[in-house]
Amino acid sequence: MTKTFMAIDQNGFCFPDLGKHPRKELMERLGSKHCSKMFVDTKDGKTYHCGYVIGRLWLTLFEVSSFRKEVS
């Protein structure tokens, strides 16, 4: 199964099915040529890349995985 991604902006709007290259696809969908990385700091002092800022949108990126649970 290949990785797929989705993004959610600060207003709750969802961008599903971003495929293998989420930054490229988001920029194409939004008609932008520039973006910045978005980061989050944790209480333990670590910093993580969590998405992108494209225009006025702050987009948090998520990796989508299949939910499969064996039933006995």
N, C-alpha and C. Protein backbone atom coordinates (compact mmCIF):
# COMPACT_ATOMS: atom_id res chain seq x y z
N MET A 1 0.84 -1.19 0.00
CA MET A 1 0.00 0.00 0.00
C MET A 1 0.89 1.25 0.00
N THR A 2 0.62 2.17 -0.91
CA THR A 2 1.41 3.39 -0.99
C THR A 2 0.91 4.41 0.03
N LYS A 3 1.81 5.28 0.42
CA LYS A 3 1.43 6.34 1.36
C LYS A 3 0.56 7.36 0.65
N THR A 4 -0.48 7.81 1.32
CA THR A 4 -1.28 8.94 0.85
C THR A 4 -1.37 9.94 1.97
N PHE A 5 -1.57 11.18 1.61
CA PHE A 5 -1.62 12.25 2.59
C PHE A 5 -2.88 13.07 2.41
N MET A 6 -3.22 13.80 3.45
CA MET A 6 -4.30 14.77 3.39
C MET A 6 -3.87 15.97 4.22
N ALA A 7 -4.48 17.10 3.98
CA ALA A 7 -4.17 18.31 4.73
C ALA A 7 -5.47 18.95 5.19
N ILE A 8 -5.39 19.62 6.33
CA ILE A 8 -6.53 20.36 6.86
C ILE A 8 -6.04 21.76 7.19
N ASP A 9 -6.75 22.79 6.70
CA ASP A 9 -6.33 24.17 6.97
C ASP A 9 -6.91 24.66 8.30
N GLN A 10 -6.57 25.89 8.66
CA GLN A 10 -6.98 26.43 9.96
C GLN A 10 -8.48 26.64 10.07
N ASN A 11 -9.19 26.60 8.94
CA ASN A 11 -10.65 26.75 8.95
C ASN A 11 -11.37 25.41 8.94
N GLY A 12 -10.62 24.32 8.91
CA GLY A 12 -11.22 23.00 8.91
C GLY A 12 -11.50 22.43 7.53
N PHE A 13 -11.09 23.13 6.47
CA PHE A 13 -11.31 22.63 5.12
C PHE A 13 -10.30 21.53 4.83
N CYS A 14 -10.76 20.44 4.23
CA CYS A 14 -9.94 19.25 4.01
C CYS A 14 -9.47 19.17 2.55
N PHE A 15 -8.21 18.79 2.38
CA PHE A 15 -7.63 18.55 1.06
C PHE A 15 -7.24 17.07 1.02
N PRO A 16 -8.12 16.18 0.56
CA PRO A 16 -7.83 14.74 0.57
C PRO A 16 -7.02 14.31 -0.65
N ASP A 17 -6.56 13.06 -0.61
CA ASP A 17 -5.91 12.40 -1.75
C ASP A 17 -4.74 13.20 -2.33
N LEU A 18 -3.75 13.49 -1.48
CA LEU A 18 -2.60 14.27 -1.94
C LEU A 18 -1.50 13.42 -2.56
N GLY A 19 -1.58 12.11 -2.48
CA GLY A 19 -0.63 11.25 -3.16
C GLY A 19 0.76 11.27 -2.54
N LYS A 20 1.78 10.98 -3.37
CA LYS A 20 3.15 10.82 -2.89
C LYS A 20 3.84 12.15 -2.59
N HIS A 21 3.45 13.23 -3.26
CA HIS A 21 4.12 14.52 -3.13
C HIS A 21 3.12 15.58 -2.67
N PRO A 22 2.81 15.61 -1.38
CA PRO A 22 1.73 16.49 -0.90
C PRO A 22 2.01 17.98 -1.09
N ARG A 23 3.25 18.41 -0.92
CA ARG A 23 3.55 19.84 -1.08
C ARG A 23 3.28 20.28 -2.51
N LYS A 24 3.78 19.52 -3.47
CA LYS A 24 3.58 19.84 -4.89
C LYS A 24 2.11 19.87 -5.24
N GLU A 25 1.37 18.88 -4.78
CA GLU A 25 -0.05 18.81 -5.13
C GLU A 25 -0.86 19.93 -4.47
N LEU A 26 -0.54 20.27 -3.22
CA LEU A 26 -1.23 21.38 -2.57
C LEU A 26 -0.98 22.69 -3.31
N MET A 27 0.26 22.91 -3.71
CA MET A 27 0.58 24.15 -4.42
C MET A 27 -0.15 24.22 -5.77
N GLU A 28 -0.27 23.08 -6.46
CA GLU A 28 -1.02 23.06 -7.72
C GLU A 28 -2.50 23.35 -7.50
N ARG A 29 -3.08 22.72 -6.47
CA ARG A 29 -4.51 22.92 -6.19
C ARG A 29 -4.82 24.35 -5.79
N LEU A 30 -3.89 24.98 -5.08
CA LEU A 30 -4.11 26.35 -4.60
C LEU A 30 -3.58 27.40 -5.55
N GLY A 31 -2.93 26.99 -6.63
CA GLY A 31 -2.42 27.94 -7.62
C GLY A 31 -1.29 28.80 -7.09
N SER A 32 -0.41 28.21 -6.31
CA SER A 32 0.70 28.96 -5.71
C SER A 32 2.03 28.41 -6.19
N LYS A 33 3.05 29.26 -6.21
CA LYS A 33 4.40 28.83 -6.57
C LYS A 33 5.34 28.88 -5.38
N HIS A 34 4.87 29.39 -4.26
CA HIS A 34 5.72 29.52 -3.08
C HIS A 34 5.00 28.97 -1.85
N CYS A 35 5.77 28.36 -0.96
CA CYS A 35 5.22 27.92 0.31
C CYS A 35 6.34 27.93 1.36
N SER A 36 5.95 27.88 2.61
CA SER A 36 6.89 27.80 3.72
C SER A 36 6.53 26.60 4.57
N LYS A 37 7.53 26.02 5.20
CA LYS A 37 7.26 24.92 6.11
C LYS A 37 6.65 25.47 7.40
N MET A 38 5.79 24.68 8.00
CA MET A 38 5.17 25.03 9.27
C MET A 38 5.71 24.07 10.33
N PHE A 39 6.05 24.60 11.50
CA PHE A 39 6.64 23.80 12.56
C PHE A 39 5.82 23.92 13.84
N VAL A 40 5.96 22.92 14.71
CA VAL A 40 5.34 22.95 16.02
C VAL A 40 6.42 22.61 17.05
N ASP A 41 6.42 23.33 18.16
CA ASP A 41 7.34 23.06 19.27
C ASP A 41 6.60 22.29 20.35
N THR A 42 7.27 21.30 20.93
CA THR A 42 6.66 20.51 21.99
C THR A 42 7.17 20.99 23.34
N LYS A 43 6.52 20.56 24.40
CA LYS A 43 6.91 20.97 25.75
C LYS A 43 8.29 20.47 26.15
N ASP A 44 8.73 19.36 25.52
CA ASP A 44 10.05 18.82 25.85
C ASP A 44 11.16 19.44 25.02
N GLY A 45 10.86 20.51 24.28
CA GLY A 45 11.87 21.26 23.56
C GLY A 45 12.16 20.79 22.14
N LYS A 46 11.41 19.84 21.63
CA LYS A 46 11.64 19.35 20.28
C LYS A 46 10.79 20.14 19.29
N THR A 47 11.27 20.23 18.06
CA THR A 47 10.56 20.92 16.99
C THR A 47 10.28 19.94 15.87
N TYR A 48 9.03 19.95 15.36
CA TYR A 48 8.62 19.03 14.31
C TYR A 48 8.02 19.80 13.14
N HIS A 49 8.34 19.34 11.92
CA HIS A 49 7.71 19.88 10.71
C HIS A 49 6.31 19.25 10.65
N CYS A 50 5.26 20.08 10.62
CA CYS A 50 3.90 19.53 10.69
C CYS A 50 3.03 19.90 9.50
N GLY A 51 3.54 20.73 8.58
CA GLY A 51 2.73 21.11 7.44
C GLY A 51 3.34 22.27 6.68
N TYR A 52 2.46 23.03 5.97
CA TYR A 52 2.93 24.11 5.12
C TYR A 52 2.05 25.34 5.27
N VAL A 53 2.64 26.50 5.03
CA VAL A 53 1.90 27.75 4.94
C VAL A 53 1.92 28.13 3.47
N ILE A 54 0.74 28.18 2.87
CA ILE A 54 0.62 28.53 1.45
C ILE A 54 -0.38 29.68 1.38
N GLY A 55 0.11 30.84 0.99
CA GLY A 55 -0.74 32.04 0.97
C GLY A 55 -1.19 32.36 2.38
N ARG A 56 -2.48 32.45 2.57
CA ARG A 56 -3.04 32.72 3.90
C ARG A 56 -3.46 31.45 4.64
N LEU A 57 -3.20 30.30 4.05
CA LEU A 57 -3.62 29.04 4.66
C LEU A 57 -2.49 28.37 5.42
N TRP A 58 -2.79 27.91 6.61
CA TRP A 58 -1.88 27.10 7.42
C TRP A 58 -2.40 25.68 7.32
N LEU A 59 -1.67 24.83 6.63
CA LEU A 59 -2.14 23.48 6.32
C LEU A 59 -1.37 22.45 7.13
N THR A 60 -2.09 21.73 8.00
CA THR A 60 -1.49 20.65 8.77
C THR A 60 -1.61 19.38 7.94
N LEU A 61 -0.49 18.67 7.80
CA LEU A 61 -0.42 17.50 6.95
C LEU A 61 -0.57 16.22 7.77
N PHE A 62 -1.32 15.27 7.23
CA PHE A 62 -1.55 13.99 7.88
C PHE A 62 -1.28 12.85 6.92
N GLU A 63 -0.67 11.78 7.41
CA GLU A 63 -0.49 10.57 6.61
C GLU A 63 -1.72 9.70 6.84
N VAL A 64 -2.34 9.24 5.76
CA VAL A 64 -3.55 8.43 5.85
C VAL A 64 -3.17 6.95 5.76
N SER A 65 -3.69 6.19 6.69
CA SER A 65 -3.44 4.74 6.65
C SER A 65 -4.78 4.01 6.76
N SER A 66 -4.78 2.82 6.27
CA SER A 66 -5.99 2.02 6.27
C SER A 66 -6.26 1.49 7.68
N PHE A 67 -7.52 1.48 8.07
CA PHE A 67 -7.90 0.91 9.34
C PHE A 67 -8.39 -0.50 9.08
N ARG A 68 -7.60 -1.47 9.50
CA ARG A 68 -7.99 -2.86 9.37
C ARG A 68 -7.75 -3.55 10.70
N LYS A 69 -8.78 -4.17 11.19
CA LYS A 69 -8.68 -4.88 12.45
C LYS A 69 -9.26 -6.27 12.26
N GLU A 70 -8.47 -7.26 12.62
CA GLU A 70 -8.93 -8.63 12.47
C GLU A 70 -10.07 -8.92 13.43
N VAL A 71 -11.09 -9.57 12.92
CA VAL A 71 -12.24 -9.94 13.72
C VAL A 71 -12.14 -11.42 14.03
N SER A 72 -12.22 -11.73 15.31
CA SER A 72 -12.12 -13.15 15.68
C SER A 72 -13.46 -13.75 15.97
